[in-house]
Amino acid sequence: MTRTVDPKRRLVLPDHFHSGDVVEIQTEGEDVVIVRRMKAVERKHPKARLVRRKDGTTVIAGGAPVNDEIVKRIMEDFP
């Protein structure tokens, strides 16, 4: 399959690529290879939002509580 890059250096990808997909761009000599690494991660929780409490403070709400196990998993992926 071939595609043509427009004057603004944009390219339309095939339908099996979706918004949010992670791609890796590799160069092999004069060639460029685009590899889809993984599908977009679907949210399990609603988006976070700012909530003003009765005492006047503002907090972030909307997700599951974060515990030590979640923090450890996140830190394992952090460079």
C-alpha atoms as a PDB file:
ATOM      1  CA  MET A   1       0.000   0.000   0.000  1.00  0.00           C
ATOM      2  CA  THR A   2       1.360   3.427  -0.857  1.00  0.00           C
ATOM      3  CA  ARG A   3       0.279   6.884   0.267  1.00  0.00           C
ATOM      4  CA  THR A   4       1.385  10.325  -0.878  1.00  0.00           C
ATOM      5  CA  VAL A   5       2.558  13.002   1.547  1.00  0.00           C
ATOM      6  CA  ASP A   6       0.948  16.404   0.876  1.00  0.00           C
ATOM      7  CA  PRO A   7       2.888  19.722   0.663  1.00  0.00           C
ATOM      8  CA  LYS A   8       2.402  20.276   4.427  1.00  0.00           C
ATOM      9  CA  ARG A   9       4.117  16.899   5.103  1.00  0.00           C
ATOM     10  CA  ARG A  10       0.868  15.175   6.194  1.00  0.00           C
ATOM     11  CA  LEU A  11      -0.186  11.637   5.444  1.00  0.00           C
ATOM     12  CA  VAL A  12      -3.583   9.935   5.647  1.00  0.00           C
ATOM     13  CA  LEU A  13      -3.228   6.534   7.306  1.00  0.00           C
ATOM     14  CA  PRO A  14      -5.387   3.485   6.510  1.00  0.00           C
ATOM     15  CA  ASP A  15      -8.662   2.881   8.370  1.00  0.00           C
ATOM     16  CA  HIS A  16      -7.160   0.369  10.814  1.00  0.00           C
ATOM     17  CA  PHE A  17      -5.226   3.231  12.483  1.00  0.00           C
ATOM     18  CA  HIS A  18      -7.336   5.127  15.006  1.00  0.00           C
ATOM     19  CA  SER A  19      -6.986   8.361  16.911  1.00  0.00           C
ATOM     20  CA  GLY A  20      -4.874   7.678  19.998  1.00  0.00           C
ATOM     21  CA  ASP A  21      -2.927   4.732  18.537  1.00  0.00           C
ATOM     22  CA  VAL A  22       0.749   4.745  19.467  1.00  0.00           C
ATOM     23  CA  VAL A  23       3.089   4.384  16.500  1.00  0.00           C
ATOM     24  CA  GLU A  24       6.816   3.920  16.192  1.00  0.00           C
ATOM     25  CA  ILE A  25       8.606   5.482  13.239  1.00  0.00           C
ATOM     26  CA  GLN A  26      11.750   3.599  12.212  1.00  0.00           C
ATOM     27  CA  THR A  27      14.258   4.546   9.542  1.00  0.00           C
ATOM     28  CA  GLU A  28      15.978   1.852   7.537  1.00  0.00           C
ATOM     29  CA  GLY A  29      18.401   3.525   5.161  1.00  0.00           C
ATOM     30  CA  GLU A  30      16.306   5.644   2.799  1.00  0.00           C
ATOM     31  CA  ASP A  31      13.052   3.953   3.900  1.00  0.00           C
ATOM     32  CA  VAL A  32      10.758   4.878   6.787  1.00  0.00           C
ATOM     33  CA  VAL A  33       8.643   2.215   8.492  1.00  0.00           C
ATOM     34  CA  ILE A  34       5.577   3.087  10.589  1.00  0.00           C
ATOM     35  CA  VAL A  35       4.660   0.443  13.172  1.00  0.00           C
ATOM     36  CA  ARG A  36       1.518   0.571  15.295  1.00  0.00           C
ATOM     37  CA  ARG A  37       2.755  -0.388  18.759  1.00  0.00           C
ATOM     38  CA  MET A  38      -0.524  -0.732  20.633  1.00  0.00           C
ATOM     39  CA  LYS A  39      -4.147   0.242  20.544  1.00  0.00           C
ATOM     40  CA  ALA A  40      -5.345   3.296  22.387  1.00  0.00           C
ATOM     41  CA  VAL A  41      -5.975   2.734  26.058  1.00  0.00           C
ATOM     42  CA  GLU A  42      -9.645   2.933  26.924  1.00  0.00           C
ATOM     43  CA  ARG A  43     -10.550   4.855  30.036  1.00  0.00           C
ATOM     44  CA  LYS A  44     -11.969   2.777  32.864  1.00  0.00           C
ATOM     45  CA  HIS A  45     -12.886   5.817  34.933  1.00  0.00           C
ATOM     46  CA  PRO A  46     -14.547   9.104  34.063  1.00  0.00           C
ATOM     47  CA  LYS A  47     -12.319  12.051  33.302  1.00  0.00           C
ATOM     48  CA  ALA A  48     -11.008  13.955  36.301  1.00  0.00           C
ATOM     49  CA  ARG A  49     -12.683  17.232  37.121  1.00  0.00           C
ATOM     50  CA  LEU A  50     -12.125  20.068  39.562  1.00  0.00           C
ATOM     51  CA  VAL A  51     -14.638  20.227  42.420  1.00  0.00           C
ATOM     52  CA  ARG A  52     -15.002  23.091  44.889  1.00  0.00           C
ATOM     53  CA  ARG A  53     -15.615  21.813  48.405  1.00  0.00           C
ATOM     54  CA  LYS A  54     -17.773  23.501  51.050  1.00  0.00           C
ATOM     55  CA  ASP A  55     -14.694  24.780  52.870  1.00  0.00           C
ATOM     56  CA  GLY A  56     -13.611  26.664  49.722  1.00  0.00           C
ATOM     57  CA  THR A  57     -10.792  24.349  48.649  1.00  0.00           C
ATOM     58  CA  THR A  58     -10.657  22.836  45.179  1.00  0.00           C
ATOM     59  CA  VAL A  59      -9.853  19.149  44.675  1.00  0.00           C
ATOM     60  CA  ILE A  60      -9.585  16.790  41.720  1.00  0.00           C
ATOM     61  CA  ALA A  61     -12.373  14.200  41.624  1.00  0.00           C
ATOM     62  CA  GLY A  62     -13.628  11.558  39.255  1.00  0.00           C
ATOM     63  CA  GLY A  63     -11.260   8.633  39.416  1.00  0.00           C
ATOM     64  CA  ALA A  64     -10.684   5.610  41.559  1.00  0.00           C
ATOM     65  CA  PRO A  65      -8.637   6.170  44.712  1.00  0.00           C
ATOM     66  CA  VAL A  66      -4.890   5.756  44.166  1.00  0.00           C
ATOM     67  CA  ASN A  67      -3.171   3.240  46.429  1.00  0.00           C
ATOM     68  CA  ASP A  68       0.465   2.173  46.866  1.00  0.00           C
ATOM     69  CA  GLU A  69       0.145  -0.717  44.384  1.00  0.00           C
ATOM     70  CA  ILE A  70      -1.021   1.626  41.594  1.00  0.00           C
ATOM     71  CA  VAL A  71       1.837   4.046  42.303  1.00  0.00           C
ATOM     72  CA  LYS A  72       4.391   1.180  42.181  1.00  0.00           C
ATOM     73  CA  ARG A  73       3.047  -0.010  38.786  1.00  0.00           C
ATOM     74  CA  ILE A  74       3.206   3.514  37.379  1.00  0.00           C
ATOM     75  CA  MET A  75       6.753   4.034  38.660  1.00  0.00           C
ATOM     76  CA  GLU A  76       7.944   0.773  37.040  1.00  0.00           C
ATOM     77  CA  ASP A  77       7.105   2.231  33.611  1.00  0.00           C
ATOM     78  CA  PHE A  78       8.638   5.624  34.373  1.00  0.00           C
ATOM     79  CA  PRO A  79      12.098   6.086  32.814  1.00  0.00           C
END
